[in-house]
N, C-alpha and C. Protein backbone atom coordinates (compact mmCIF):
# COMPACT_ATOMS: atom_id res chain seq x y z
N UNK A 1 -114.35 5.78 -8.67
CA UNK A 1 -114.79 4.45 -9.04
C UNK A 1 -116.01 4.58 -9.96
N UNK A 2 -115.99 3.92 -11.01
CA UNK A 2 -117.03 3.94 -12.04
C UNK A 2 -117.91 2.71 -11.84
N UNK A 3 -119.23 2.79 -12.13
CA UNK A 3 -120.11 1.64 -11.94
C UNK A 3 -119.65 0.39 -12.68
N UNK A 4 -118.93 0.56 -13.76
CA UNK A 4 -118.45 -0.62 -14.50
C UNK A 4 -117.31 -1.30 -13.76
N UNK A 5 -116.71 -0.60 -12.78
CA UNK A 5 -115.63 -1.19 -11.99
C UNK A 5 -116.16 -2.06 -10.86
N UNK A 6 -117.47 -1.97 -10.56
CA UNK A 6 -118.06 -2.74 -9.47
C UNK A 6 -118.31 -4.18 -9.91
N UNK A 7 -118.31 -5.10 -8.94
CA UNK A 7 -118.67 -6.48 -9.28
C UNK A 7 -120.12 -6.55 -9.76
N UNK A 8 -120.43 -7.56 -10.49
CA UNK A 8 -121.77 -7.71 -11.07
C UNK A 8 -122.85 -7.73 -10.00
N UNK A 9 -122.60 -8.39 -8.87
CA UNK A 9 -123.59 -8.45 -7.79
C UNK A 9 -123.88 -7.05 -7.24
N UNK A 10 -122.86 -6.24 -7.08
CA UNK A 10 -123.04 -4.89 -6.57
C UNK A 10 -123.81 -4.04 -7.58
N UNK A 11 -123.49 -4.20 -8.84
CA UNK A 11 -124.20 -3.46 -9.88
C UNK A 11 -125.66 -3.86 -9.93
N UNK A 12 -125.93 -5.15 -9.81
CA UNK A 12 -127.32 -5.62 -9.80
C UNK A 12 -128.07 -5.10 -8.58
N UNK A 13 -127.39 -5.04 -7.43
CA UNK A 13 -128.03 -4.53 -6.21
C UNK A 13 -128.36 -3.05 -6.37
N UNK A 14 -127.43 -2.31 -6.94
CA UNK A 14 -127.67 -0.88 -7.16
C UNK A 14 -128.81 -0.68 -8.16
N UNK A 15 -128.81 -1.46 -9.22
CA UNK A 15 -129.89 -1.38 -10.22
C UNK A 15 -131.24 -1.70 -9.58
N UNK A 16 -131.26 -2.71 -8.72
CA UNK A 16 -132.51 -3.10 -8.06
C UNK A 16 -132.98 -2.00 -7.12
N UNK A 17 -132.06 -1.41 -6.36
CA UNK A 17 -132.42 -0.33 -5.46
C UNK A 17 -132.94 0.87 -6.24
N UNK A 18 -132.30 1.18 -7.35
CA UNK A 18 -132.74 2.30 -8.19
C UNK A 18 -134.14 2.02 -8.75
N UNK A 19 -134.36 0.80 -9.21
CA UNK A 19 -135.68 0.42 -9.73
C UNK A 19 -136.74 0.53 -8.64
N UNK A 20 -136.40 0.05 -7.43
CA UNK A 20 -137.34 0.15 -6.31
C UNK A 20 -137.68 1.60 -5.99
N UNK A 21 -136.68 2.45 -6.00
CA UNK A 21 -136.92 3.87 -5.74
C UNK A 21 -137.78 4.52 -6.82
N UNK A 22 -137.56 4.13 -8.07
CA UNK A 22 -138.37 4.67 -9.16
C UNK A 22 -139.82 4.22 -9.02
N UNK A 23 -140.02 2.97 -8.61
CA UNK A 23 -141.39 2.46 -8.40
C UNK A 23 -142.06 3.22 -7.27
N UNK A 24 -141.36 3.40 -6.16
CA UNK A 24 -141.92 4.14 -5.03
C UNK A 24 -142.26 5.57 -5.42
N UNK A 25 -141.37 6.20 -6.18
CA UNK A 25 -141.62 7.57 -6.62
C UNK A 25 -142.87 7.64 -7.51
N UNK A 26 -143.02 6.64 -8.36
CA UNK A 26 -144.19 6.60 -9.23
C UNK A 26 -145.48 6.44 -8.42
N UNK A 27 -145.46 5.55 -7.43
CA UNK A 27 -146.63 5.36 -6.57
C UNK A 27 -146.92 6.64 -5.79
N UNK A 28 -145.87 7.30 -5.33
CA UNK A 28 -146.07 8.55 -4.59
C UNK A 28 -146.68 9.63 -5.47
N UNK A 29 -146.26 9.71 -6.71
CA UNK A 29 -146.85 10.68 -7.64
C UNK A 29 -148.33 10.39 -7.87
N UNK A 30 -148.67 9.10 -8.04
CA UNK A 30 -150.07 8.73 -8.22
C UNK A 30 -150.89 9.08 -6.99
N UNK A 31 -150.35 8.78 -5.82
CA UNK A 31 -151.05 9.09 -4.57
C UNK A 31 -151.25 10.59 -4.42
N UNK A 32 -150.24 11.35 -4.75
CA UNK A 32 -150.35 12.81 -4.67
C UNK A 32 -151.43 13.33 -5.61
N UNK A 33 -151.50 12.79 -6.81
CA UNK A 33 -152.54 13.19 -7.76
C UNK A 33 -153.92 12.85 -7.21
N UNK A 34 -154.07 11.68 -6.63
CA UNK A 34 -155.36 11.28 -6.05
C UNK A 34 -155.74 12.19 -4.89
N UNK A 35 -154.79 12.51 -4.03
CA UNK A 35 -155.07 13.39 -2.90
C UNK A 35 -155.43 14.79 -3.38
N UNK A 36 -154.78 15.27 -4.41
CA UNK A 36 -155.13 16.57 -4.96
C UNK A 36 -156.57 16.59 -5.48
N UNK A 37 -156.98 15.50 -6.12
CA UNK A 37 -158.36 15.41 -6.60
C UNK A 37 -159.35 15.41 -5.44
N UNK A 38 -159.01 14.72 -4.37
CA UNK A 38 -159.88 14.70 -3.19
C UNK A 38 -160.00 16.11 -2.61
N UNK A 39 -158.88 16.81 -2.52
CA UNK A 39 -158.90 18.18 -1.98
C UNK A 39 -159.74 19.09 -2.86
N UNK A 40 -159.61 18.96 -4.17
CA UNK A 40 -160.41 19.78 -5.08
C UNK A 40 -161.89 19.49 -4.89
N UNK A 41 -162.24 18.20 -4.82
CA UNK A 41 -163.65 17.82 -4.63
C UNK A 41 -164.18 18.33 -3.29
N UNK A 42 -163.39 18.23 -2.23
CA UNK A 42 -163.83 18.72 -0.92
C UNK A 42 -164.00 20.23 -0.93
N UNK A 43 -163.11 20.95 -1.60
CA UNK A 43 -163.24 22.40 -1.67
C UNK A 43 -164.51 22.79 -2.43
N UNK A 44 -164.83 22.04 -3.48
CA UNK A 44 -166.07 22.31 -4.21
C UNK A 44 -167.28 22.07 -3.31
N UNK A 45 -167.23 21.02 -2.49
CA UNK A 45 -168.33 20.75 -1.57
C UNK A 45 -168.42 21.85 -0.51
N UNK A 46 -167.29 22.30 0.00
CA UNK A 46 -167.30 23.38 0.98
C UNK A 46 -167.88 24.64 0.38
N UNK A 47 -167.48 24.96 -0.84
CA UNK A 47 -168.02 26.15 -1.52
C UNK A 47 -169.53 26.04 -1.70
N UNK A 48 -170.01 24.86 -2.08
CA UNK A 48 -171.45 24.65 -2.25
C UNK A 48 -172.18 24.80 -0.92
N UNK A 49 -171.59 24.28 0.15
CA UNK A 49 -172.21 24.39 1.47
C UNK A 49 -172.23 25.84 1.95
N UNK A 50 -171.19 26.59 1.65
CA UNK A 50 -171.16 28.01 2.03
C UNK A 50 -172.26 28.77 1.29
N UNK A 51 -172.42 28.48 -0.01
CA UNK A 51 -173.49 29.13 -0.78
C UNK A 51 -174.87 28.76 -0.23
N UNK A 52 -175.05 27.49 0.11
CA UNK A 52 -176.33 27.03 0.66
C UNK A 52 -176.60 27.69 2.01
N UNK A 53 -175.59 27.80 2.84
CA UNK A 53 -175.75 28.45 4.14
C UNK A 53 -176.12 29.92 3.97
N UNK A 54 -175.48 30.59 3.04
CA UNK A 54 -175.81 32.00 2.77
C UNK A 54 -177.25 32.13 2.28
N UNK A 55 -177.68 31.20 1.42
CA UNK A 55 -179.05 31.23 0.93
C UNK A 55 -180.04 31.00 2.07
N UNK A 56 -179.73 30.07 2.96
CA UNK A 56 -180.62 29.79 4.08
C UNK A 56 -180.67 30.96 5.05
N UNK A 57 -179.54 31.63 5.24
CA UNK A 57 -179.52 32.80 6.12
C UNK A 57 -180.36 33.93 5.54
N UNK A 58 -180.37 34.05 4.21
CA UNK A 58 -181.19 35.08 3.59
C UNK A 58 -182.67 34.75 3.75
N UNK A 59 -183.02 33.48 3.76
CA UNK A 59 -184.41 33.07 3.89
C UNK A 59 -184.90 33.20 5.33
N UNK A 60 -184.01 33.11 6.30
CA UNK A 60 -184.40 33.11 7.70
C UNK A 60 -185.20 34.34 8.09
N UNK A 61 -184.77 35.58 7.78
CA UNK A 61 -185.61 36.73 8.14
C UNK A 61 -186.93 36.74 7.39
N UNK A 62 -186.98 36.13 6.21
CA UNK A 62 -188.20 36.09 5.42
C UNK A 62 -189.20 35.09 5.96
N UNK A 63 -188.80 34.26 6.93
CA UNK A 63 -189.70 33.25 7.46
C UNK A 63 -190.85 33.89 8.23
N UNK A 64 -190.66 35.11 8.72
CA UNK A 64 -191.72 35.84 9.39
C UNK A 64 -192.19 35.16 10.66
N UNK A 65 -193.40 34.65 10.66
CA UNK A 65 -193.97 34.06 11.87
C UNK A 65 -193.32 32.73 12.21
N UNK A 66 -192.64 32.11 11.28
CA UNK A 66 -191.98 30.84 11.57
C UNK A 66 -190.98 30.96 12.70
N UNK A 67 -190.25 32.06 12.75
CA UNK A 67 -189.29 32.27 13.83
C UNK A 67 -189.99 32.51 15.15
N UNK A 68 -191.12 33.19 15.12
CA UNK A 68 -191.86 33.45 16.35
C UNK A 68 -192.41 32.15 16.93
N UNK A 69 -192.84 31.25 16.08
CA UNK A 69 -193.37 29.97 16.54
C UNK A 69 -192.29 29.19 17.27
N UNK A 70 -191.09 29.23 16.74
CA UNK A 70 -189.99 28.50 17.37
C UNK A 70 -189.67 29.08 18.74
N UNK A 71 -189.68 30.40 18.87
CA UNK A 71 -189.34 31.00 20.15
C UNK A 71 -190.44 30.75 21.18
N UNK A 72 -191.70 30.74 20.79
CA UNK A 72 -192.79 30.47 21.72
C UNK A 72 -192.78 29.01 22.16
N UNK A 73 -192.42 28.11 21.25
CA UNK A 73 -192.41 26.69 21.60
C UNK A 73 -191.36 26.42 22.67
N UNK A 74 -190.28 27.15 22.69
CA UNK A 74 -189.24 26.97 23.70
C UNK A 74 -189.64 27.52 25.06
N UNK A 75 -190.65 28.42 25.11
CA UNK A 75 -191.09 29.01 26.38
C UNK A 75 -192.05 28.11 27.14
N UNK A 76 -192.65 27.15 26.51
CA UNK A 76 -193.61 26.28 27.17
C UNK A 76 -192.89 25.33 28.13
N UNK A 77 -193.53 25.05 29.26
CA UNK A 77 -192.99 24.09 30.20
C UNK A 77 -193.32 22.68 29.73
N UNK A 78 -192.47 21.74 30.00
CA UNK A 78 -192.78 20.36 29.64
C UNK A 78 -194.00 19.88 30.41
N UNK A 79 -194.70 18.88 29.93
CA UNK A 79 -195.95 18.42 30.54
C UNK A 79 -195.79 17.92 31.98
N UNK A 80 -194.62 17.47 32.38
CA UNK A 80 -194.48 16.90 33.72
C UNK A 80 -194.35 17.96 34.80
N UNK A 81 -194.36 19.28 34.48
CA UNK A 81 -194.28 20.32 35.49
C UNK A 81 -195.63 20.74 35.89
């Protein structure tokens, strides 16, 4: 059976369904592009945070007495004891 053998109503219904599917596919492509951009941006943020964490870890041993102050402050009893 060839599409030209179908009644006009059936052909119009098929055309409408095809158009609807093409619209949905187009929206899905746009959504996929947007999600890919979000993933790229998030990966860039993760990479920046990893670099910042590495930089902070390198600075931590260089803090010298700053680390000792933190450990002594934790040894003190609260005032209510």
